[in-house]
N, C-alpha and C. Protein backbone atom coordinates (compact mmCIF):
# COMPACT_ATOMS: atom_id res chain seq x y z
N UNK A 1 210.77 195.23 67.71
CA UNK A 1 210.94 194.69 66.38
C UNK A 1 209.56 194.30 65.82
N UNK A 2 209.30 194.65 64.60
CA UNK A 2 208.05 194.32 63.94
C UNK A 2 208.07 192.84 63.55
N UNK A 3 207.11 192.08 64.03
CA UNK A 3 207.04 190.64 63.75
C UNK A 3 206.04 190.36 62.64
N UNK A 4 204.90 191.03 62.70
CA UNK A 4 203.84 190.81 61.72
C UNK A 4 203.56 192.12 60.98
N UNK A 5 203.94 192.16 59.72
CA UNK A 5 203.72 193.38 58.96
C UNK A 5 202.28 193.50 58.46
N UNK A 6 201.55 192.40 58.41
CA UNK A 6 200.14 192.46 58.00
C UNK A 6 199.30 193.18 59.05
N UNK A 7 199.59 192.93 60.34
CA UNK A 7 198.81 193.50 61.43
C UNK A 7 199.59 194.54 62.23
N UNK A 8 200.82 194.81 61.85
CA UNK A 8 201.70 195.73 62.57
C UNK A 8 201.81 195.35 64.05
N UNK A 9 202.22 194.09 64.30
CA UNK A 9 202.38 193.57 65.65
C UNK A 9 203.87 193.49 65.95
N UNK A 10 204.25 193.98 67.13
CA UNK A 10 205.65 193.97 67.52
C UNK A 10 205.94 192.81 68.47
N UNK A 11 207.22 192.55 68.63
CA UNK A 11 207.66 191.49 69.54
C UNK A 11 207.22 191.79 70.97
N UNK A 12 207.32 193.03 71.39
CA UNK A 12 206.94 193.42 72.75
C UNK A 12 205.45 193.19 72.99
N UNK A 13 204.62 193.44 72.00
CA UNK A 13 203.17 193.20 72.14
C UNK A 13 202.89 191.72 72.33
N UNK A 14 203.57 190.88 71.56
CA UNK A 14 203.38 189.43 71.68
C UNK A 14 203.85 188.96 73.05
N UNK A 15 205.01 189.44 73.48
CA UNK A 15 205.53 189.05 74.80
C UNK A 15 204.55 189.44 75.91
N UNK A 16 203.95 190.62 75.80
CA UNK A 16 203.00 191.10 76.81
C UNK A 16 201.76 190.21 76.85
N UNK A 17 201.26 189.82 75.68
CA UNK A 17 200.07 188.97 75.62
C UNK A 17 200.38 187.59 76.18
N UNK A 18 201.53 187.03 75.84
CA UNK A 18 201.91 185.71 76.35
C UNK A 18 202.02 185.75 77.87
N UNK A 19 202.64 186.78 78.40
CA UNK A 19 202.77 186.91 79.85
C UNK A 19 201.40 187.04 80.50
N UNK A 20 200.52 187.81 79.89
CA UNK A 20 199.16 187.97 80.40
C UNK A 20 198.42 186.63 80.42
N UNK A 21 198.55 185.86 79.34
CA UNK A 21 197.90 184.56 79.26
C UNK A 21 198.48 183.60 80.31
N UNK A 22 199.78 183.64 80.52
CA UNK A 22 200.41 182.77 81.52
C UNK A 22 200.03 183.19 82.93
N UNK A 23 199.82 184.48 83.16
CA UNK A 23 199.36 184.93 84.47
C UNK A 23 197.98 184.36 84.80
N UNK A 24 197.15 184.20 83.79
CA UNK A 24 195.82 183.63 83.98
C UNK A 24 195.89 182.14 84.27
N UNK A 25 196.73 181.42 83.53
CA UNK A 25 196.92 179.98 83.71
C UNK A 25 198.33 179.65 83.26
N UNK A 26 199.20 179.42 84.23
CA UNK A 26 200.63 179.30 83.90
C UNK A 26 200.99 178.03 83.13
N UNK A 27 200.08 177.07 83.01
CA UNK A 27 200.39 175.84 82.29
C UNK A 27 199.56 175.67 81.03
N UNK A 28 198.94 176.73 80.58
CA UNK A 28 198.15 176.63 79.37
C UNK A 28 199.06 176.49 78.15
N UNK A 29 198.53 175.90 77.11
CA UNK A 29 199.24 175.79 75.84
C UNK A 29 198.88 177.03 75.02
N UNK A 30 199.90 177.76 74.62
CA UNK A 30 199.68 179.00 73.88
C UNK A 30 200.16 178.80 72.44
N UNK A 31 199.29 179.11 71.52
CA UNK A 31 199.60 179.01 70.10
C UNK A 31 199.40 180.39 69.47
N UNK A 32 199.93 180.61 68.26
CA UNK A 32 199.76 181.93 67.63
C UNK A 32 198.31 182.38 67.53
N UNK A 33 197.39 181.46 67.25
CA UNK A 33 195.99 181.83 67.16
C UNK A 33 195.44 182.41 68.46
N UNK A 34 195.89 181.86 69.58
CA UNK A 34 195.47 182.36 70.89
C UNK A 34 195.98 183.78 71.10
N UNK A 35 197.22 184.02 70.74
CA UNK A 35 197.83 185.34 70.90
C UNK A 35 197.10 186.36 70.02
N UNK A 36 196.90 186.03 68.77
CA UNK A 36 196.23 186.96 67.85
C UNK A 36 194.78 187.20 68.27
N UNK A 37 194.10 186.17 68.74
CA UNK A 37 192.73 186.32 69.21
C UNK A 37 192.68 187.29 70.38
N UNK A 38 193.61 187.18 71.32
CA UNK A 38 193.63 188.08 72.48
C UNK A 38 193.87 189.52 72.04
N UNK A 39 194.64 189.71 70.97
CA UNK A 39 194.91 191.06 70.46
C UNK A 39 193.80 191.54 69.53
N UNK A 40 192.76 190.71 69.35
CA UNK A 40 191.66 191.00 68.44
C UNK A 40 192.15 191.22 67.01
N UNK A 41 193.07 190.35 66.61
CA UNK A 41 193.60 190.36 65.24
C UNK A 41 193.51 188.93 64.72
N UNK A 42 193.84 188.74 63.47
CA UNK A 42 193.87 187.40 62.91
C UNK A 42 195.07 187.27 61.98
N UNK A 43 195.54 186.05 61.84
CA UNK A 43 196.63 185.80 60.91
C UNK A 43 196.13 186.00 59.49
N UNK A 44 196.88 186.72 58.72
CA UNK A 44 196.45 186.95 57.33
C UNK A 44 197.28 186.08 56.40
N UNK A 45 198.54 186.38 56.23
CA UNK A 45 199.37 185.53 55.38
C UNK A 45 200.01 184.41 56.22
N UNK A 46 200.07 184.62 57.54
CA UNK A 46 200.59 183.66 58.54
C UNK A 46 202.08 183.37 58.36
N UNK A 47 202.78 184.18 57.59
CA UNK A 47 204.22 184.03 57.44
C UNK A 47 204.98 184.34 58.72
N UNK A 48 204.36 185.06 59.62
CA UNK A 48 204.99 185.43 60.88
C UNK A 48 204.86 184.34 61.94
N UNK A 49 204.00 183.35 61.74
CA UNK A 49 203.72 182.38 62.79
C UNK A 49 204.96 181.63 63.29
N UNK A 50 205.91 181.25 62.44
CA UNK A 50 207.13 180.62 63.00
C UNK A 50 207.87 181.53 63.97
N UNK A 51 207.95 182.81 63.66
CA UNK A 51 208.59 183.76 64.58
C UNK A 51 207.76 183.95 65.85
N UNK A 52 206.44 183.97 65.71
CA UNK A 52 205.56 184.11 66.86
C UNK A 52 205.73 182.90 67.78
N UNK A 53 205.85 181.72 67.22
CA UNK A 53 206.06 180.52 68.01
C UNK A 53 207.37 180.62 68.78
N UNK A 54 208.42 181.09 68.14
CA UNK A 54 209.71 181.28 68.83
C UNK A 54 209.57 182.25 70.00
N UNK A 55 208.83 183.32 69.81
CA UNK A 55 208.62 184.31 70.87
C UNK A 55 207.81 183.70 72.01
N UNK A 56 206.79 182.92 71.67
CA UNK A 56 205.97 182.26 72.69
C UNK A 56 206.84 181.32 73.53
N UNK A 57 207.66 180.52 72.88
CA UNK A 57 208.52 179.57 73.60
C UNK A 57 209.50 180.31 74.49
N UNK A 58 210.17 181.30 73.94
CA UNK A 58 211.16 182.06 74.70
C UNK A 58 210.52 182.78 75.90
N UNK A 59 209.38 183.40 75.68
CA UNK A 59 208.70 184.12 76.75
C UNK A 59 208.18 183.16 77.81
N UNK A 60 207.65 182.02 77.39
CA UNK A 60 207.15 181.02 78.34
C UNK A 60 208.28 180.45 79.19
N UNK A 61 209.41 180.15 78.56
CA UNK A 61 210.57 179.65 79.31
C UNK A 61 211.02 180.67 80.35
N UNK A 62 211.13 181.92 79.95
CA UNK A 62 211.57 182.97 80.87
C UNK A 62 210.56 183.17 81.99
N UNK A 63 209.29 183.08 81.67
CA UNK A 63 208.23 183.23 82.67
C UNK A 63 208.39 182.17 83.75
N UNK A 64 208.62 180.93 83.34
CA UNK A 64 208.72 179.83 84.31
C UNK A 64 210.05 179.86 85.07
N UNK A 65 211.09 180.37 84.48
CA UNK A 65 212.36 180.53 85.19
C UNK A 65 212.20 181.57 86.29
N UNK A 66 211.51 182.65 86.00
CA UNK A 66 211.33 183.74 86.97
C UNK A 66 210.25 183.45 88.01
N UNK A 67 209.42 182.48 87.74
CA UNK A 67 208.30 182.18 88.63
C UNK A 67 208.79 181.43 89.86
N UNK A 68 208.25 181.79 91.00
CA UNK A 68 208.57 181.06 92.23
C UNK A 68 207.89 179.71 92.19
N UNK A 69 208.67 178.65 92.20
CA UNK A 69 208.09 177.31 92.19
C UNK A 69 209.09 176.33 92.79
N UNK A 70 208.59 175.19 93.13
CA UNK A 70 209.46 174.16 93.67
C UNK A 70 209.70 173.11 92.59
N UNK A 71 210.74 172.35 92.78
CA UNK A 71 211.07 171.29 91.83
C UNK A 71 210.02 170.21 91.78
N UNK A 72 209.20 170.08 92.83
CA UNK A 72 208.16 169.05 92.87
C UNK A 72 207.07 169.31 91.84
N UNK A 73 206.94 170.53 91.36
CA UNK A 73 205.90 170.86 90.39
C UNK A 73 206.26 170.43 88.96
N UNK A 74 207.49 170.06 88.73
CA UNK A 74 207.95 169.72 87.40
C UNK A 74 208.16 168.22 87.26
N UNK A 75 207.95 167.72 86.08
CA UNK A 75 208.24 166.31 85.80
C UNK A 75 208.85 166.22 84.41
N UNK A 76 209.75 165.31 84.25
CA UNK A 76 210.41 165.09 82.96
C UNK A 76 209.68 164.00 82.19
N UNK A 77 209.51 164.21 80.92
CA UNK A 77 208.89 163.20 80.07
C UNK A 77 209.90 162.64 79.13
């Protein structure tokens, strides 16, 4: 699905970049600017950023669900 029509960025491309960033540091904070910077693009109208944030959250949640970890690594705030 096309998420950003200004840069022709798809949902799959964003998911791949988020996974790549999480592989480097699984607890980093990822924002749309980080994703676009990694793709060597920039937000133009930034109308896609709310959708990009949703994709980042969904991909990050799935990444941590699939990751081998113990309950001791998590804490509730």
